[in-house]
Amino acid sequence: MNPKKQQIIQAAHRLFIQKGYNASSIQDILDEAGISKGTFYNYFTSKSECLVALMESISEDIRTARIAAAFGHSPSDTGLFARQLAIRIRMNHEKNLFSLYESIFYSQDEELKAFGKSQYIAELRWLSNRIVDMFGEEARPYALEHAAMANGALQQLMHVWRLGTDEQLPLDELTHYIVLRMRQAVEIQLKDGKRFLSERLLERGGKLPSLSDSAKELQALAAAVDDPDLQQLIAFLADELAAEQPRKAIVKSVLTTLGKMPETGTDLQLSLEQVWRQMK
């Protein structure tokens, strides 16, 4: 990200936490960041667009951390899923995201409301896909339902814990508990077939793209990368995936290397996670 844009986002983040989003003006952001109005409008058309950029930046950090945690582990590893759940909660706490989400929830700005909705749906889809990773394709009809229940259970159990005690929340214990209960519920549903939500409710469901689809996607991403070393590594991975029999060990090795590189953008991160899931 452009350093000046990052400077503005960081200044806005401090202000939104200290004063609240609604109480912070663009002039406050200018003063906090030490920039001119013209510089602000070079990057953002409004305060709400600045908040969206901030939330997208944090979401990218969460995706990066989840991907980094995943490499070297099987997608079906329930312990990994519990750790990935904990990553978002820790990041929410560290970045004070709860107050920012409240700003979006109570906002009258339609752009912010649409963004908040898209973020929530994206998290539900991620959870649903990971549930299928753990329990297999037969669990897909129940995945969205369990994604919603896990999301709600995490929020409510944390809320009740904080109402009842000042002790630090045992986050890892909580996320492992959620996954345990999820496993038990999925096993029951696989036997009785009962559900409340359709897996198609949010649409864009279906199976994962093929490895050849991912290869084409990575080839397009490689062409848009400026760093020659990163470009070469992505192109190598794309060629390997396009082969008749991709070498699994090599693919996983390249995924691990790419996952540790700091210059991978959001689109590439999502593609890498998709490949990691395909290679399970």
Protein backbone atom coordinates (compact mmCIF):
# COMPACT_ATOMS: atom_id res chain seq x y z
CA MET A 1 0.00 0.00 0.00
CA ASN A 2 1.13 3.53 -0.74
CA PRO A 3 2.88 4.89 2.41
CA LYS A 4 0.89 8.14 2.38
CA LYS A 5 -2.39 6.27 2.09
CA GLN A 6 -1.31 3.99 4.93
CA GLN A 7 -0.47 7.07 7.01
CA ILE A 8 -3.98 8.45 6.51
CA ILE A 9 -5.61 5.12 7.34
CA GLN A 10 -3.59 4.75 10.53
CA ALA A 11 -4.45 8.30 11.62
CA ALA A 12 -8.14 7.67 10.91
CA HIS A 13 -7.98 4.40 12.86
CA ARG A 14 -6.62 6.18 15.95
CA LEU A 15 -9.31 8.86 15.71
CA PHE A 16 -12.19 6.47 15.12
CA ILE A 17 -11.20 4.53 18.23
CA GLN A 18 -10.55 7.59 20.43
CA LYS A 19 -13.45 9.82 19.36
CA GLY A 20 -15.72 7.47 17.48
CA TYR A 21 -16.38 7.40 13.76
CA ASN A 22 -19.34 9.78 13.81
CA ALA A 23 -17.57 12.34 16.01
CA SER A 24 -14.44 12.38 13.83
CA SER A 25 -14.39 14.80 10.90
CA ILE A 26 -12.23 14.80 7.80
CA GLN A 27 -10.48 17.84 9.25
CA ASP A 28 -9.67 15.81 12.37
CA ILE A 29 -8.10 13.16 10.12
CA LEU A 30 -6.08 15.82 8.29
CA ASP A 31 -4.78 17.21 11.57
CA GLU A 32 -3.99 13.76 13.01
CA ALA A 33 -2.18 12.64 9.85
CA GLY A 34 -0.47 16.02 9.27
CA ILE A 35 -1.64 16.26 5.67
CA SER A 36 -3.54 18.69 3.46
CA LYS A 37 -7.14 18.27 2.30
CA GLY A 38 -5.88 17.76 -1.25
CA THR A 39 -3.71 14.85 -0.15
CA PHE A 40 -6.68 13.20 1.57
CA TYR A 41 -8.84 13.51 -1.53
CA ASN A 42 -6.08 12.03 -3.66
CA TYR A 43 -6.86 8.73 -1.95
CA PHE A 44 -10.42 8.96 -0.62
CA THR A 45 -13.61 10.65 -1.73
CA SER A 46 -15.18 10.60 1.75
CA LYS A 47 -14.74 9.66 5.39
CA SER A 48 -16.79 6.51 4.83
CA GLU A 49 -14.47 5.43 2.00
CA CYS A 50 -11.55 5.89 4.40
CA LEU A 51 -13.27 3.64 6.97
CA VAL A 52 -13.91 1.00 4.29
CA ALA A 53 -10.22 1.09 3.32
CA LEU A 54 -9.27 0.68 6.98
CA MET A 55 -11.57 -2.32 7.44
CA GLU A 56 -10.35 -3.90 4.19
CA SER A 57 -6.74 -3.47 5.34
CA ILE A 58 -7.50 -5.25 8.62
CA SER A 59 -9.42 -8.00 6.81
CA GLU A 60 -6.38 -8.54 4.61
CA ASP A 61 -4.21 -8.87 7.73
CA ILE A 62 -6.62 -11.51 9.05
CA ARG A 63 -6.56 -13.45 5.78
CA THR A 64 -2.76 -13.32 5.72
CA ALA A 65 -2.53 -14.62 9.29
CA ARG A 66 -5.00 -17.41 8.58
CA ILE A 67 -3.15 -18.48 5.46
CA ALA A 68 0.19 -18.42 7.28
CA ALA A 69 -1.30 -20.60 10.03
CA ALA A 70 -2.64 -23.05 7.44
CA PHE A 71 0.51 -23.90 5.53
CA GLY A 72 1.98 -27.20 6.59
CA HIS A 73 -1.35 -28.41 7.98
CA SER A 74 -4.19 -30.39 6.45
CA PRO A 75 -7.38 -28.40 5.73
CA SER A 76 -9.28 -31.16 7.56
CA ASP A 77 -7.35 -30.46 10.79
CA THR A 78 -9.99 -29.27 13.27
CA GLY A 79 -7.27 -27.85 15.53
CA LEU A 80 -6.16 -25.60 12.68
CA PHE A 81 -9.74 -24.36 12.21
CA ALA A 82 -9.97 -23.51 15.91
CA ARG A 83 -6.70 -21.53 15.67
CA GLN A 84 -7.96 -19.71 12.59
CA LEU A 85 -11.15 -18.77 14.42
CA ALA A 86 -9.06 -17.36 17.24
CA ILE A 87 -7.02 -15.23 14.82
CA ARG A 88 -10.03 -13.09 13.87
CA ILE A 89 -11.14 -12.66 17.47
CA ARG A 90 -7.65 -11.62 18.58
CA MET A 91 -7.35 -9.22 15.66
CA ASN A 92 -10.77 -7.78 16.43
CA HIS A 93 -9.61 -7.10 19.96
CA GLU A 94 -6.18 -5.73 19.02
CA LYS A 95 -7.60 -3.39 16.36
CA ASN A 96 -10.72 -2.44 18.38
CA LEU A 97 -12.88 -3.62 15.51
CA PHE A 98 -16.00 -4.02 17.62
CA SER A 99 -16.48 -0.25 17.93
CA LEU A 100 -15.80 0.17 14.21
CA TYR A 101 -18.41 -2.45 13.33
CA GLU A 102 -20.86 -0.64 15.59
CA SER A 103 -20.20 2.54 13.61
CA ILE A 104 -21.11 0.69 10.43
CA PHE A 105 -24.17 -0.97 11.99
CA TYR A 106 -25.69 2.31 13.22
CA SER A 107 -24.61 4.36 10.23
CA GLN A 108 -27.14 5.85 7.82
CA ASP A 109 -24.52 5.65 5.07
CA GLU A 110 -25.71 3.10 2.50
CA GLU A 111 -22.14 2.51 1.28
CA LEU A 112 -21.04 1.54 4.77
CA LYS A 113 -24.07 -0.68 5.32
CA ALA A 114 -23.44 -2.50 2.04
CA PHE A 115 -19.79 -2.95 2.98
CA GLY A 116 -20.66 -4.31 6.43
CA LYS A 117 -23.06 -6.79 4.85
CA SER A 118 -20.46 -7.92 2.31
CA GLN A 119 -17.88 -8.43 5.09
CA TYR A 120 -20.28 -10.54 7.11
CA ILE A 121 -21.22 -12.68 4.11
CA ALA A 122 -17.55 -13.13 3.20
CA GLU A 123 -16.81 -14.45 6.69
CA LEU A 124 -19.78 -16.83 6.55
CA ARG A 125 -18.54 -18.17 3.20
CA TRP A 126 -15.05 -18.65 4.58
CA LEU A 127 -16.46 -20.51 7.58
CA SER A 128 -18.72 -22.63 5.34
CA ASN A 129 -15.85 -23.62 3.05
CA ARG A 130 -13.66 -24.54 6.01
CA ILE A 131 -16.46 -26.66 7.47
CA VAL A 132 -16.60 -28.61 4.20
CA ASP A 133 -12.80 -28.95 4.34
CA MET A 134 -13.07 -30.59 7.75
CA PHE A 135 -16.13 -32.79 7.36
CA GLY A 136 -16.20 -33.50 3.61
CA GLU A 137 -18.56 -32.71 0.75
CA GLU A 138 -21.40 -34.53 2.48
CA ALA A 139 -21.42 -31.71 5.06
CA ARG A 140 -21.91 -28.97 2.43
CA PRO A 141 -25.73 -28.84 2.80
CA TYR A 142 -25.25 -27.97 6.49
CA ALA A 143 -22.13 -25.79 6.23
CA LEU A 144 -23.78 -22.37 6.04
CA GLU A 145 -26.03 -23.21 8.96
CA HIS A 146 -23.05 -24.21 11.10
CA ALA A 147 -21.08 -21.15 9.99
CA ALA A 148 -23.90 -18.94 11.27
CA MET A 149 -24.24 -20.90 14.52
CA ALA A 150 -20.48 -20.86 15.18
CA ASN A 151 -20.34 -17.12 14.57
CA GLY A 152 -23.24 -16.49 16.92
CA ALA A 153 -22.03 -18.91 19.58
CA LEU A 154 -18.60 -17.29 19.70
CA GLN A 155 -20.08 -13.83 20.17
CA GLN A 156 -22.59 -14.86 22.84
CA LEU A 157 -20.24 -17.07 24.84
CA MET A 158 -17.65 -14.26 24.92
CA HIS A 159 -20.34 -11.79 25.97
CA VAL A 160 -21.61 -13.97 28.82
CA TRP A 161 -18.03 -14.68 29.96
CA ARG A 162 -17.31 -10.96 30.25
CA LEU A 163 -20.57 -10.37 32.10
CA GLY A 164 -19.69 -12.96 34.70
CA THR A 165 -15.95 -12.53 35.30
CA ASP A 166 -12.99 -10.21 34.96
CA GLU A 167 -10.69 -13.14 34.20
CA GLN A 168 -9.04 -13.22 30.80
CA LEU A 169 -11.08 -15.07 28.20
CA PRO A 170 -9.50 -18.49 27.44
CA LEU A 171 -9.82 -17.93 23.69
CA ASP A 172 -8.07 -21.08 22.49
CA GLU A 173 -10.18 -23.20 24.83
CA LEU A 174 -13.32 -21.47 23.55
CA THR A 175 -12.59 -21.97 19.86
CA HIS A 176 -11.68 -25.64 20.36
CA TYR A 177 -14.94 -26.08 22.31
CA ILE A 178 -16.92 -24.52 19.44
CA VAL A 179 -15.31 -26.92 16.96
CA LEU A 180 -16.03 -29.90 19.23
CA ARG A 181 -19.72 -28.99 19.44
CA MET A 182 -19.79 -28.37 15.69
CA ARG A 183 -18.38 -31.83 14.99
CA GLN A 184 -21.04 -33.43 17.17
CA ALA A 185 -23.84 -31.46 15.49
CA VAL A 186 -22.60 -32.24 11.98
CA GLU A 187 -22.46 -35.95 12.79
CA ILE A 188 -26.10 -35.82 13.92
CA GLN A 189 -27.20 -33.94 10.79
CA LEU A 190 -25.40 -36.37 8.50
CA LYS A 191 -27.63 -39.06 10.01
CA ASP A 192 -31.00 -37.28 10.21
CA GLY A 193 -30.63 -34.84 7.29
CA LYS A 194 -32.49 -32.05 9.10
CA ARG A 195 -31.55 -28.40 8.59
CA PHE A 196 -33.02 -24.91 8.73
CA LEU A 197 -30.91 -23.00 6.16
CA SER A 198 -30.26 -23.95 2.56
CA GLU A 199 -26.61 -23.98 1.53
CA ARG A 200 -27.71 -21.92 -1.51
CA LEU A 201 -29.26 -19.15 0.57
CA LEU A 202 -26.36 -16.77 -0.05
CA GLU A 203 -25.69 -18.29 -3.46
CA ARG A 204 -22.24 -18.46 -5.06
CA GLY A 205 -22.05 -21.91 -3.51
CA GLY A 206 -20.98 -25.00 -5.34
CA LYS A 207 -17.75 -26.89 -5.55
CA LEU A 208 -14.23 -25.55 -5.67
CA PRO A 209 -12.78 -24.49 -9.01
CA SER A 210 -10.50 -27.04 -10.66
CA LEU A 211 -6.71 -26.87 -10.45
CA SER A 212 -6.60 -25.76 -14.09
CA ASP A 213 -8.97 -22.89 -13.20
CA SER A 214 -6.62 -21.89 -10.38
CA ALA A 215 -3.63 -22.12 -12.75
CA LYS A 216 -5.27 -19.67 -15.16
CA GLU A 217 -6.14 -17.34 -12.29
CA LEU A 218 -2.56 -17.39 -11.02
CA GLN A 219 -1.16 -16.76 -14.50
CA ALA A 220 -3.28 -13.60 -14.72
CA LEU A 221 -2.16 -12.51 -11.25
CA ALA A 222 1.51 -13.14 -12.12
CA ALA A 223 1.23 -10.85 -15.13
CA ALA A 224 0.08 -8.01 -12.86
CA VAL A 225 2.93 -8.36 -10.32
CA ASP A 226 5.85 -5.91 -10.42
CA ASP A 227 8.32 -7.90 -8.29
CA PRO A 228 10.15 -10.25 -10.72
CA ASP A 229 10.95 -12.84 -8.03
CA LEU A 230 7.34 -12.97 -6.86
CA GLN A 231 6.13 -13.06 -10.47
CA GLN A 232 8.41 -15.98 -11.28
CA LEU A 233 7.28 -17.95 -8.23
CA ILE A 234 3.59 -17.43 -9.02
CA ALA A 235 4.13 -18.41 -12.67
CA PHE A 236 6.00 -21.55 -11.55
CA LEU A 237 3.10 -22.50 -9.29
CA ALA A 238 0.62 -21.89 -12.13
CA ASP A 239 2.62 -24.13 -14.48
CA GLU A 240 2.79 -26.87 -11.86
CA LEU A 241 -0.98 -26.75 -11.30
CA ALA A 242 -1.59 -26.90 -15.05
CA ALA A 243 0.43 -30.12 -15.34
CA GLU A 244 -1.38 -33.40 -15.86
CA GLN A 245 -0.24 -34.60 -12.44
CA PRO A 246 0.82 -31.67 -10.21
CA ARG A 247 3.53 -32.61 -7.71
CA LYS A 248 1.82 -32.15 -4.39
CA ALA A 249 5.00 -31.71 -2.33
CA ILE A 250 6.32 -29.02 -4.66
CA VAL A 251 2.99 -27.19 -4.71
CA LYS A 252 2.86 -27.16 -0.91
CA SER A 253 6.47 -25.95 -0.72
CA VAL A 254 5.75 -23.04 -3.08
CA LEU A 255 2.56 -22.20 -1.18
CA THR A 256 4.53 -22.04 2.06
CA THR A 257 7.12 -19.73 0.50
CA LEU A 258 4.50 -17.44 -1.03
CA GLY A 259 2.54 -17.36 2.21
CA LYS A 260 5.53 -15.88 4.01
CA MET A 261 6.16 -13.15 1.43
CA PRO A 262 4.89 -9.74 2.60
CA GLU A 263 3.99 -8.31 -0.82
CA THR A 264 1.15 -10.69 -1.68
CA GLY A 265 -2.06 -8.74 -2.31
CA THR A 266 -5.60 -9.74 -1.37
CA ASP A 267 -6.44 -11.43 -4.69
CA LEU A 268 -3.28 -13.53 -4.56
CA GLN A 269 -3.88 -14.48 -0.93
CA LEU A 270 -7.36 -15.72 -1.76
CA SER A 271 -6.05 -17.71 -4.73
CA LEU A 272 -3.32 -19.29 -2.61
CA GLU A 273 -5.80 -20.33 0.05
CA GLN A 274 -8.01 -21.80 -2.67
CA VAL A 275 -5.11 -23.88 -4.00
CA TRP A 276 -4.20 -25.00 -0.48
CA ARG A 277 -7.77 -26.24 -0.03
CA GLN A 278 -7.74 -27.96 -3.41
CA MET A 279 -4.56 -29.85 -2.56
CA LYS A 280 -5.91 -31.36 0.66
